[in-house]
C-alpha cells in the first residue's frame, strides 16, 4: 500500500509540473545551425559561466571545447554581487538591504567581429533584516542570491536570442 501511495504521489507531482507550464527554455535559435559557442569567464571560478554553459548545452546549442574551434565566443568580463543599506531602524542599524547581482559580458564571432560589447545584466532584490534572526536572514540571503543568479543567466540568454548575427557591424547596437 505504501509503495502504491509513493507511485501515485510521484505521478501527481509529474502531472502538476507538466501542467503548470514550466519548461527549460531552449538555446538561442538566431545562431546558424551547427554553430558552436564557447563561454569564457575572466574569473576562473565563475558560477555564472558554469551554469550558463550547462543550460545552453542542455538546450541544444553545441558548445566548443576551445575558443579557436568556436563560431561565437561569449566572454563574461565581470560578475558583481553588491549589498546596499536602504533603510535603518531607530537605533541606526540596517533594517533593509538591496541585493544586486550583475554581469558584464561580450559576444564576438570567429572572425573577431564584436556582436555585443560590454553588455550589462542586473538583478535587484530587497532583503528585510532583523538582528534577532541573523541565522535565518543569512540563509534567506543565500537563497535570494541563488535565485538572482538564475534570473541573471536567464537575462543573458534572452539577450543572446536578440543578437542579429547577420546584421552589418555598423547596424549593431552596443
Protein backbone atom coordinates (compact mmCIF):
# COMPACT_ATOMS: atom_id res chain seq x y z
CA UNK A 1 0.00 0.00 0.00
CA UNK A 2 2.77 2.42 0.94
CA UNK A 3 4.58 1.73 -2.35
CA UNK A 4 1.41 2.45 -4.35
CA UNK A 5 0.94 5.71 -2.48
CA UNK A 6 4.54 6.72 -3.33
CA UNK A 7 3.98 5.96 -7.01
CA UNK A 8 0.75 7.94 -7.04
CA UNK A 9 2.48 10.87 -5.34
CA UNK A 10 5.31 10.85 -7.89
CA UNK A 11 2.81 10.64 -10.75
CA UNK A 12 0.79 13.57 -9.36
CA UNK A 13 3.96 15.62 -8.96
CA UNK A 14 4.95 14.95 -12.56
CA UNK A 15 1.48 15.86 -13.82
CA UNK A 16 1.42 19.05 -11.76
CA UNK A 17 4.84 20.09 -13.01
CA UNK A 18 3.94 19.38 -16.63
CA UNK A 19 0.62 21.19 -16.41
CA UNK A 20 1.93 24.35 -14.80
CA UNK A 21 3.78 25.33 -17.98
CA UNK A 22 7.27 25.04 -16.57
CA UNK A 23 9.89 24.00 -19.10
CA UNK A 24 13.54 24.64 -19.82
CA UNK A 25 13.80 27.39 -22.35
CA UNK A 26 15.81 26.27 -25.33
CA UNK A 27 19.03 27.65 -26.67
CA UNK A 28 19.03 30.77 -28.83
CA UNK A 29 17.88 29.94 -32.36
CA UNK A 30 19.41 33.02 -34.02
CA UNK A 31 22.84 31.38 -34.34
CA UNK A 32 23.24 29.45 -37.62
CA UNK A 33 22.52 25.71 -37.30
CA UNK A 34 25.56 23.73 -36.24
CA UNK A 35 27.47 26.78 -34.98
CA UNK A 36 29.30 26.33 -31.71
CA UNK A 37 29.56 28.71 -28.77
CA UNK A 38 32.43 28.93 -26.34
CA UNK A 39 31.92 30.59 -22.96
CA UNK A 40 34.94 32.21 -21.37
CA UNK A 41 34.97 33.83 -17.96
CA UNK A 42 37.76 36.14 -16.86
CA UNK A 43 37.16 34.78 -13.35
CA UNK A 44 38.08 31.08 -13.42
CA UNK A 45 35.65 30.36 -10.53
CA UNK A 46 32.66 31.82 -12.36
CA UNK A 47 29.40 30.25 -11.24
CA UNK A 48 27.52 32.07 -13.98
CA UNK A 49 29.72 30.72 -16.80
CA UNK A 50 29.44 27.17 -15.50
CA UNK A 51 25.65 27.28 -15.17
CA UNK A 52 25.20 29.14 -18.46
CA UNK A 53 27.29 26.52 -20.29
CA UNK A 54 25.26 23.72 -18.77
CA UNK A 55 21.89 25.32 -19.58
CA UNK A 56 22.77 26.19 -23.18
CA UNK A 57 24.25 22.77 -23.80
CA UNK A 58 21.13 21.08 -22.37
CA UNK A 59 19.03 23.44 -24.50
CA UNK A 60 20.63 22.12 -27.68
CA UNK A 61 23.33 24.68 -28.50
CA UNK A 62 26.61 22.94 -29.37
CA UNK A 63 29.43 24.09 -27.11
CA UNK A 64 33.02 24.31 -28.36
CA UNK A 65 35.89 22.93 -26.28
CA UNK A 66 38.23 25.81 -27.17
CA UNK A 67 37.73 29.38 -28.41
CA UNK A 68 39.62 28.53 -31.63
CA UNK A 69 37.02 25.96 -32.71
CA UNK A 70 34.05 28.15 -31.73
CA UNK A 71 31.94 30.14 -34.15
CA UNK A 72 30.96 32.54 -31.35
CA UNK A 73 32.62 33.40 -28.05
CA UNK A 74 30.74 34.75 -25.05
CA UNK A 75 33.12 36.42 -22.62
CA UNK A 76 31.96 37.16 -19.09
CA UNK A 77 34.18 40.05 -18.05
CA UNK A 78 32.93 40.62 -14.56
CA UNK A 79 30.46 39.21 -12.04
CA UNK A 80 29.49 41.56 -9.24
CA UNK A 81 27.47 40.96 -6.08
CA UNK A 82 26.68 44.05 -4.04
CA UNK A 83 24.67 44.81 -0.95
CA UNK A 84 23.45 48.31 -0.06
CA UNK A 85 21.70 49.51 3.05
CA UNK A 86 18.43 51.18 2.04
CA UNK A 87 16.73 51.58 5.42
CA UNK A 88 17.78 51.83 9.05
CA UNK A 89 15.83 51.41 12.27
CA UNK A 90 15.56 53.89 15.15
CA UNK A 91 18.88 52.64 16.59
CA UNK A 92 20.70 53.31 13.32
CA UNK A 93 21.04 49.64 12.38
CA UNK A 94 20.27 48.33 8.92
CA UNK A 95 16.69 47.10 8.61
CA UNK A 96 16.57 46.63 4.84
CA UNK A 97 19.17 45.85 2.20
CA UNK A 98 19.14 45.95 -1.56
CA UNK A 99 20.95 42.97 -3.10
CA UNK A 100 22.38 43.46 -6.59
CA UNK A 101 23.84 40.79 -8.84
CA UNK A 102 25.38 41.94 -12.13
CA UNK A 103 27.38 40.59 -15.03
CA UNK A 104 29.24 42.38 -17.81
CA UNK A 105 29.69 40.30 -20.95
CA UNK A 106 30.53 40.48 -24.67
CA UNK A 107 29.97 38.30 -27.72
CA UNK A 108 32.18 38.10 -30.80
CA UNK A 109 32.21 35.82 -33.81
CA UNK A 110 35.11 33.68 -35.06
CA UNK A 111 36.42 36.50 -37.26
CA UNK A 112 36.70 38.77 -34.20
CA UNK A 113 33.69 40.92 -35.13
CA UNK A 114 32.03 42.20 -31.96
CA UNK A 115 28.33 41.35 -31.84
CA UNK A 116 27.70 42.59 -28.31
CA UNK A 117 30.15 44.82 -26.47
CA UNK A 118 30.24 45.01 -22.66
CA UNK A 119 26.53 44.45 -22.15
CA UNK A 120 25.38 44.52 -18.55
CA UNK A 121 22.65 42.48 -16.91
CA UNK A 122 21.45 43.35 -13.40
CA UNK A 123 19.05 41.74 -10.95
CA UNK A 124 17.81 43.51 -7.80
CA UNK A 125 16.11 42.15 -4.70
CA UNK A 126 15.17 43.61 -1.34
CA UNK A 127 16.05 41.82 1.88
CA UNK A 128 14.45 42.93 5.13
CA UNK A 129 16.86 42.46 8.02
CA UNK A 130 16.21 41.63 11.64
CA UNK A 131 19.12 41.41 14.09
CA UNK A 132 17.11 38.93 16.15
CA UNK A 133 17.03 36.47 13.23
CA UNK A 134 20.59 36.65 11.92
CA UNK A 135 20.90 32.97 11.01
CA UNK A 136 17.58 32.71 9.16
CA UNK A 137 18.13 36.04 7.39
CA UNK A 138 21.59 34.86 6.34
CA UNK A 139 20.04 31.71 4.86
CA UNK A 140 17.39 33.82 3.15
CA UNK A 141 20.12 35.96 1.59
CA UNK A 142 21.89 32.86 0.24
CA UNK A 143 18.64 31.62 -1.32
CA UNK A 144 17.92 35.05 -2.79
CA UNK A 145 21.41 35.19 -4.32
CA UNK A 146 20.90 31.77 -5.95
CA UNK A 147 17.55 32.90 -7.35
CA UNK A 148 19.12 36.13 -8.57
CA UNK A 149 21.93 34.24 -10.31
CA UNK A 150 19.37 32.07 -12.15
CA UNK A 151 17.42 35.15 -13.23
CA UNK A 152 20.64 36.84 -14.38
CA UNK A 153 21.52 33.81 -16.50
CA UNK A 154 18.02 33.92 -17.99
CA UNK A 155 18.52 37.57 -18.90
CA UNK A 156 21.85 36.80 -20.58
CA UNK A 157 20.22 34.00 -22.59
CA UNK A 158 17.36 36.32 -23.58
CA UNK A 159 19.89 38.91 -24.76
CA UNK A 160 21.75 36.25 -26.76
CA UNK A 161 18.46 35.44 -28.50
CA UNK A 162 18.14 39.05 -29.67
CA UNK A 163 21.58 39.29 -31.31
CA UNK A 164 21.27 39.61 -35.08
CA UNK A 165 24.33 37.64 -36.18
CA UNK A 166 23.75 38.61 -39.85
CA UNK A 167 23.49 42.39 -39.41
CA UNK A 168 26.37 44.54 -40.68
CA UNK A 169 28.70 45.79 -37.94
CA UNK A 170 27.50 49.41 -38.28
CA UNK A 171 23.90 48.34 -37.55
CA UNK A 172 24.76 46.73 -34.25
CA UNK A 173 23.72 48.46 -31.08
CA UNK A 174 26.21 48.15 -28.25
